[in-house]
Amino acid sequence: MKTYTKKRLEIVVEAPIQDRLIALLDRLQVTGYTVLPALAGRGHDGEWSREGMVGEAGRMIVVICLIDGDRVDGVLDKVFSMVSRRSGIVSISDVEVVRAEHF
């Protein structure tokens, strides 16, 4: 089966900025993304968990985007400027997809 190389942009960030981040991705015409809850983890400041949290303030989400490699720099610059002052991490990796027209 033929596959196509794309970039996977993974953003782990505080849940309260989810709507703004998704709006930014939409403005940038990122058409392939998924938002997932982050349940627990370990970061620079130690372990964290959403267990027992009542509000949105301490919750984290993961946004996974698949995009063409030639769009990474433009998308990454805008995303990083939004999330750089918050808890979280942004990573980029190479992936293979089977339906290139979706991304």
Protein backbone atom coordinates (compact mmCIF):
# COMPACT_ATOMS: atom_id res chain seq x y z
CA MET A 1 0.00 0.00 0.00
CA LYS A 2 1.26 3.47 -0.87
CA THR A 3 1.94 5.79 2.06
CA TYR A 4 2.66 9.52 2.24
CA THR A 5 5.00 11.33 4.61
CA LYS A 6 3.40 13.99 6.81
CA LYS A 7 4.35 15.73 10.04
CA ARG A 8 2.66 15.04 13.35
CA LEU A 9 2.46 18.08 15.59
CA GLU A 10 1.55 17.12 19.16
CA ILE A 11 0.60 19.85 21.59
CA VAL A 12 0.11 19.11 25.30
CA VAL A 13 -1.29 22.24 26.93
CA GLU A 14 -3.65 23.55 29.61
CA ALA A 15 -7.31 22.87 28.80
CA PRO A 16 -8.53 26.48 29.28
CA ILE A 17 -6.89 27.53 25.99
CA GLN A 18 -8.43 24.69 23.96
CA ASP A 19 -10.99 26.88 22.18
CA ARG A 20 -8.40 29.52 21.25
CA LEU A 21 -5.94 26.88 20.06
CA ILE A 22 -8.58 25.15 17.90
CA ALA A 23 -9.67 28.52 16.48
CA LEU A 24 -6.03 29.23 15.59
CA LEU A 25 -5.65 25.84 13.87
CA ASP A 26 -8.84 26.52 11.92
CA ARG A 27 -7.57 29.96 10.83
CA LEU A 28 -4.32 28.30 9.72
CA GLN A 29 -6.40 25.78 7.75
CA VAL A 30 -5.07 22.78 9.64
CA THR A 31 -7.69 20.26 8.56
CA GLY A 32 -6.48 17.17 10.41
CA TYR A 33 -6.46 17.39 14.19
CA THR A 34 -7.81 15.53 17.22
CA VAL A 35 -8.23 16.74 20.80
CA LEU A 36 -7.78 14.26 23.66
CA PRO A 37 -7.86 14.62 27.44
CA ALA A 38 -4.51 14.19 29.19
CA LEU A 39 -5.09 12.11 32.32
CA ALA A 40 -1.76 12.27 34.12
CA GLY A 41 1.93 12.71 33.52
CA ARG A 42 5.27 13.95 34.69
CA GLY A 43 6.80 17.21 33.62
CA HIS A 44 9.43 19.76 34.54
CA ASP A 45 7.64 20.49 37.82
CA GLY A 46 7.01 16.84 38.72
CA GLU A 47 4.00 14.53 38.57
CA TRP A 48 0.49 15.75 37.88
CA SER A 49 -2.92 14.14 37.58
CA ARG A 50 -6.38 15.39 36.75
CA GLU A 51 -7.85 13.10 39.40
CA GLY A 52 -9.83 15.13 41.89
CA MET A 53 -9.73 18.33 39.83
CA VAL A 54 -12.99 20.22 39.87
CA GLY A 55 -12.35 23.05 37.40
CA GLU A 56 -10.59 23.48 34.09
CA ALA A 57 -7.59 25.41 35.42
CA GLY A 58 -5.25 22.47 36.05
CA ARG A 59 -6.52 20.10 33.36
CA MET A 60 -4.37 19.33 30.33
CA ILE A 61 -5.31 18.32 26.78
CA VAL A 62 -3.42 16.84 23.86
CA VAL A 63 -3.99 18.17 20.35
CA ILE A 64 -2.61 15.99 17.58
CA CYS A 65 -2.30 17.55 14.12
CA LEU A 66 -1.19 15.94 10.88
CA ILE A 67 0.10 18.42 8.30
CA ASP A 68 2.28 18.68 5.21
CA GLY A 69 5.95 19.14 5.99
CA ASP A 70 6.14 22.41 4.06
CA ARG A 71 3.56 23.94 6.42
CA VAL A 72 5.26 23.02 9.69
CA ASP A 73 7.24 26.22 10.25
CA GLY A 74 4.29 28.55 9.68
CA VAL A 75 1.94 26.54 11.87
CA LEU A 76 4.55 25.91 14.56
CA ASP A 77 5.46 29.61 14.87
CA LYS A 78 1.84 30.61 15.53
CA VAL A 79 1.09 27.67 17.84
CA PHE A 80 4.25 28.14 19.87
CA SER A 81 3.57 31.85 20.36
CA MET A 82 0.20 30.88 21.89
CA VAL A 83 1.39 28.06 24.15
CA SER A 84 4.90 29.19 25.11
CA ARG A 85 3.78 31.04 28.24
CA ARG A 86 1.77 28.07 29.53
CA SER A 87 2.45 24.64 30.97
CA GLY A 88 2.88 22.12 28.22
CA ILE A 89 5.04 20.82 25.42
CA VAL A 90 5.05 20.80 21.62
CA SER A 91 6.67 18.01 19.61
CA ILE A 92 7.02 17.21 15.91
CA SER A 93 7.60 13.83 14.32
CA ASP A 94 7.48 12.19 10.90
CA VAL A 95 4.52 9.93 10.17
CA GLU A 96 3.21 7.95 7.23
CA VAL A 97 -0.47 8.20 6.24
CA VAL A 98 -2.46 6.23 3.67
CA ARG A 99 -4.86 9.02 2.63
CA ALA A 100 -2.74 12.06 1.80
CA GLU A 101 -5.70 14.11 0.56
CA HIS A 102 -7.08 14.35 4.11
CA PHE A 103 -4.15 16.43 5.33
